[in-house]
Amino acid sequence: MPTYQYACTACDHRFEAVQSFSEASLTECPACSGGVRKVFSSVGIVFKGSGFYRTDSRSGAGSTVAKAESKSESAKSESSSSSSTKDSSSSSSSSSTPSSAPAAAAS
């Protein structure tokens, strides 16, 4: 059940009351029997990031950031494996040529 904050309009007494949604708002101050008003404040919890909304879990609307990262990771692993095979083939054909050094520096 939610907790509501109230403030008296006559004596400025502030208090909290635990009430259900269906209960009527309080109208009388417990200290001086004057009129009260509800005090509204900022939200106590904020959900940030992905995964908190209904649209985040749909199959077609998956995280585009995660998909892009996985594609770039696979591209990096493919390019590093192809460059390592190029380096090993060039070094096996001629081990003392300076052409293998610039290839290693470029990657």
C-alpha atoms as a PDB file:
ATOM      1  CA  MET A   1       0.000   0.000   0.000  1.00  0.00           C
ATOM      2  CA  PRO A   2       1.304   3.460  -0.843  1.00  0.00           C
ATOM      3  CA  THR A   3       2.391   6.044   1.701  1.00  0.00           C
ATOM      4  CA  TYR A   4       1.047   9.554   1.161  1.00  0.00           C
ATOM      5  CA  GLN A   5       2.479  12.752   2.599  1.00  0.00           C
ATOM      6  CA  TYR A   6       0.144  15.424   3.924  1.00  0.00           C
ATOM      7  CA  ALA A   7       0.649  18.986   5.165  1.00  0.00           C
ATOM      8  CA  CYS A   8      -1.763  21.003   7.267  1.00  0.00           C
ATOM      9  CA  THR A   9      -2.835  24.313   5.732  1.00  0.00           C
ATOM     10  CA  ALA A  10      -3.405  25.896   9.156  1.00  0.00           C
ATOM     11  CA  CYS A  11      -0.435  24.842  11.334  1.00  0.00           C
ATOM     12  CA  ASP A  12       1.965  23.476   8.619  1.00  0.00           C
ATOM     13  CA  HIS A  13       2.162  20.112  10.433  1.00  0.00           C
ATOM     14  CA  ARG A  14       3.540  17.453   8.067  1.00  0.00           C
ATOM     15  CA  PHE A  15       2.721  13.757   8.387  1.00  0.00           C
ATOM     16  CA  GLU A  16       2.471  10.536   6.395  1.00  0.00           C
ATOM     17  CA  ALA A  17      -0.426   8.128   6.057  1.00  0.00           C
ATOM     18  CA  VAL A  18      -0.478   4.612   4.608  1.00  0.00           C
ATOM     19  CA  GLN A  19      -3.641   4.295   2.527  1.00  0.00           C
ATOM     20  CA  SER A  20      -4.937   2.059  -0.219  1.00  0.00           C
ATOM     21  CA  PHE A  21      -5.751   3.479  -3.628  1.00  0.00           C
ATOM     22  CA  SER A  22      -9.477   3.131  -3.032  1.00  0.00           C
ATOM     23  CA  GLU A  23      -9.475   5.052   0.273  1.00  0.00           C
ATOM     24  CA  ALA A  24     -10.518   8.693   0.315  1.00  0.00           C
ATOM     25  CA  SER A  25      -7.842  11.323   0.989  1.00  0.00           C
ATOM     26  CA  LEU A  26      -7.496  12.661   4.517  1.00  0.00           C
ATOM     27  CA  THR A  27      -9.156  16.016   5.138  1.00  0.00           C
ATOM     28  CA  GLU A  28      -8.354  16.781   8.789  1.00  0.00           C
ATOM     29  CA  CYS A  29      -5.042  17.464  10.543  1.00  0.00           C
ATOM     30  CA  PRO A  30      -4.430  15.170  13.550  1.00  0.00           C
ATOM     31  CA  ALA A  31      -2.644  17.985  15.434  1.00  0.00           C
ATOM     32  CA  CYS A  32      -5.045  20.942  15.076  1.00  0.00           C
ATOM     33  CA  SER A  33      -8.085  19.576  13.162  1.00  0.00           C
ATOM     34  CA  GLY A  34      -7.412  22.011  10.307  1.00  0.00           C
ATOM     35  CA  GLY A  35      -7.555  21.239   6.606  1.00  0.00           C
ATOM     36  CA  VAL A  36      -4.805  19.195   4.942  1.00  0.00           C
ATOM     37  CA  ARG A  37      -3.430  18.888   1.454  1.00  0.00           C
ATOM     38  CA  LYS A  38      -1.402  16.140  -0.226  1.00  0.00           C
ATOM     39  CA  VAL A  39       2.290  16.843  -0.716  1.00  0.00           C
ATOM     40  CA  PHE A  40       3.629  15.607  -4.046  1.00  0.00           C
ATOM     41  CA  SER A  41       7.326  14.901  -4.481  1.00  0.00           C
ATOM     42  CA  SER A  42       9.610  13.382  -7.064  1.00  0.00           C
ATOM     43  CA  VAL A  43       9.447   9.721  -7.978  1.00  0.00           C
ATOM     44  CA  GLY A  44      11.378   7.417  -5.637  1.00  0.00           C
ATOM     45  CA  ILE A  45      12.621   5.010  -8.300  1.00  0.00           C
ATOM     46  CA  VAL A  46      13.718   5.568 -11.899  1.00  0.00           C
ATOM     47  CA  PHE A  47      14.317   2.773 -14.418  1.00  0.00           C
ATOM     48  CA  LYS A  48      17.124   3.615 -16.848  1.00  0.00           C
ATOM     49  CA  GLY A  49      18.558   1.531 -19.644  1.00  0.00           C
ATOM     50  CA  SER A  50      17.051  -1.138 -21.824  1.00  0.00           C
ATOM     51  CA  GLY A  51      14.861  -4.023 -20.764  1.00  0.00           C
ATOM     52  CA  PHE A  52      12.268  -2.157 -18.720  1.00  0.00           C
ATOM     53  CA  TYR A  53       9.682  -1.527 -21.408  1.00  0.00           C
ATOM     54  CA  ARG A  54       7.391  -3.909 -23.268  1.00  0.00           C
ATOM     55  CA  THR A  55       8.905  -2.953 -26.605  1.00  0.00           C
ATOM     56  CA  ASP A  56      12.426  -3.910 -25.459  1.00  0.00           C
ATOM     57  CA  SER A  57      11.650  -7.626 -25.413  1.00  0.00           C
ATOM     58  CA  ARG A  58      10.172  -7.990 -28.890  1.00  0.00           C
ATOM     59  CA  SER A  59      12.021 -10.342 -31.185  1.00  0.00           C
ATOM     60  CA  GLY A  60      12.328  -7.909 -34.108  1.00  0.00           C
ATOM     61  CA  ALA A  61      13.305  -4.897 -31.992  1.00  0.00           C
ATOM     62  CA  GLY A  62      16.342  -6.402 -30.260  1.00  0.00           C
ATOM     63  CA  SER A  63      19.211  -4.312 -29.087  1.00  0.00           C
ATOM     64  CA  THR A  64      20.817  -2.798 -32.158  1.00  0.00           C
ATOM     65  CA  VAL A  65      23.847  -1.802 -30.124  1.00  0.00           C
ATOM     66  CA  ALA A  66      24.528  -5.385 -29.069  1.00  0.00           C
ATOM     67  CA  LYS A  67      24.073  -6.600 -32.645  1.00  0.00           C
ATOM     68  CA  ALA A  68      26.475  -3.970 -33.978  1.00  0.00           C
ATOM     69  CA  GLU A  69      29.053  -4.855 -31.315  1.00  0.00           C
ATOM     70  CA  SER A  70      28.854  -8.562 -32.097  1.00  0.00           C
ATOM     71  CA  LYS A  71      29.288  -7.852 -35.814  1.00  0.00           C
ATOM     72  CA  SER A  72      32.333  -5.665 -35.173  1.00  0.00           C
ATOM     73  CA  GLU A  73      33.830  -8.307 -32.859  1.00  0.00           C
ATOM     74  CA  SER A  74      33.405 -11.008 -35.500  1.00  0.00           C
ATOM     75  CA  ALA A  75      34.936  -8.722 -38.142  1.00  0.00           C
ATOM     76  CA  LYS A  76      37.909  -8.031 -35.858  1.00  0.00           C
ATOM     77  CA  SER A  77      38.489 -11.716 -35.184  1.00  0.00           C
ATOM     78  CA  GLU A  78      38.290 -12.543 -38.912  1.00  0.00           C
ATOM     79  CA  SER A  79      40.727  -9.772 -39.859  1.00  0.00           C
ATOM     80  CA  SER A  80      43.201 -10.729 -37.130  1.00  0.00           C
ATOM     81  CA  SER A  81      43.121 -14.397 -38.130  1.00  0.00           C
ATOM     82  CA  SER A  82      43.621 -13.548 -41.813  1.00  0.00           C
ATOM     83  CA  SER A  83      46.479 -11.160 -41.022  1.00  0.00           C
ATOM     84  CA  SER A  84      48.194 -13.763 -38.844  1.00  0.00           C
ATOM     85  CA  THR A  85      48.032 -16.307 -41.668  1.00  0.00           C
ATOM     86  CA  LYS A  86      49.462 -13.729 -44.081  1.00  0.00           C
ATOM     87  CA  ASP A  87      52.316 -12.989 -41.662  1.00  0.00           C
ATOM     88  CA  SER A  88      53.144 -16.648 -41.173  1.00  0.00           C
ATOM     89  CA  SER A  89      53.061 -17.387 -44.924  1.00  0.00           C
ATOM     90  CA  SER A  90      55.301 -14.419 -45.759  1.00  0.00           C
ATOM     91  CA  SER A  91      57.760 -15.253 -42.994  1.00  0.00           C
ATOM     92  CA  SER A  92      57.949 -18.906 -44.045  1.00  0.00           C
ATOM     93  CA  SER A  93      58.681 -18.044 -47.684  1.00  0.00           C
ATOM     94  CA  SER A  94      61.436 -15.558 -46.900  1.00  0.00           C
ATOM     95  CA  SER A  95      62.458 -15.135 -43.304  1.00  0.00           C
ATOM     96  CA  SER A  96      64.995 -12.359 -43.789  1.00  0.00           C
ATOM     97  CA  THR A  97      63.003 -10.011 -46.059  1.00  0.00           C
ATOM     98  CA  PRO A  98      61.904  -6.642 -44.641  1.00  0.00           C
ATOM     99  CA  SER A  99      58.432  -6.995 -46.252  1.00  0.00           C
ATOM    100  CA  SER A 100      57.090  -8.912 -43.238  1.00  0.00           C
ATOM    101  CA  ALA A 101      57.931  -6.059 -40.831  1.00  0.00           C
ATOM    102  CA  PRO A 102      55.657  -3.416 -42.469  1.00  0.00           C
ATOM    103  CA  ALA A 103      52.769  -5.915 -42.599  1.00  0.00           C
ATOM    104  CA  ALA A 104      53.029  -6.447 -38.840  1.00  0.00           C
ATOM    105  CA  ALA A 105      53.202  -2.687 -38.211  1.00  0.00           C
ATOM    106  CA  ALA A 106      50.130  -2.030 -40.390  1.00  0.00           C
ATOM    107  CA  SER A 107      47.894  -4.363 -38.398  1.00  0.00           C
END
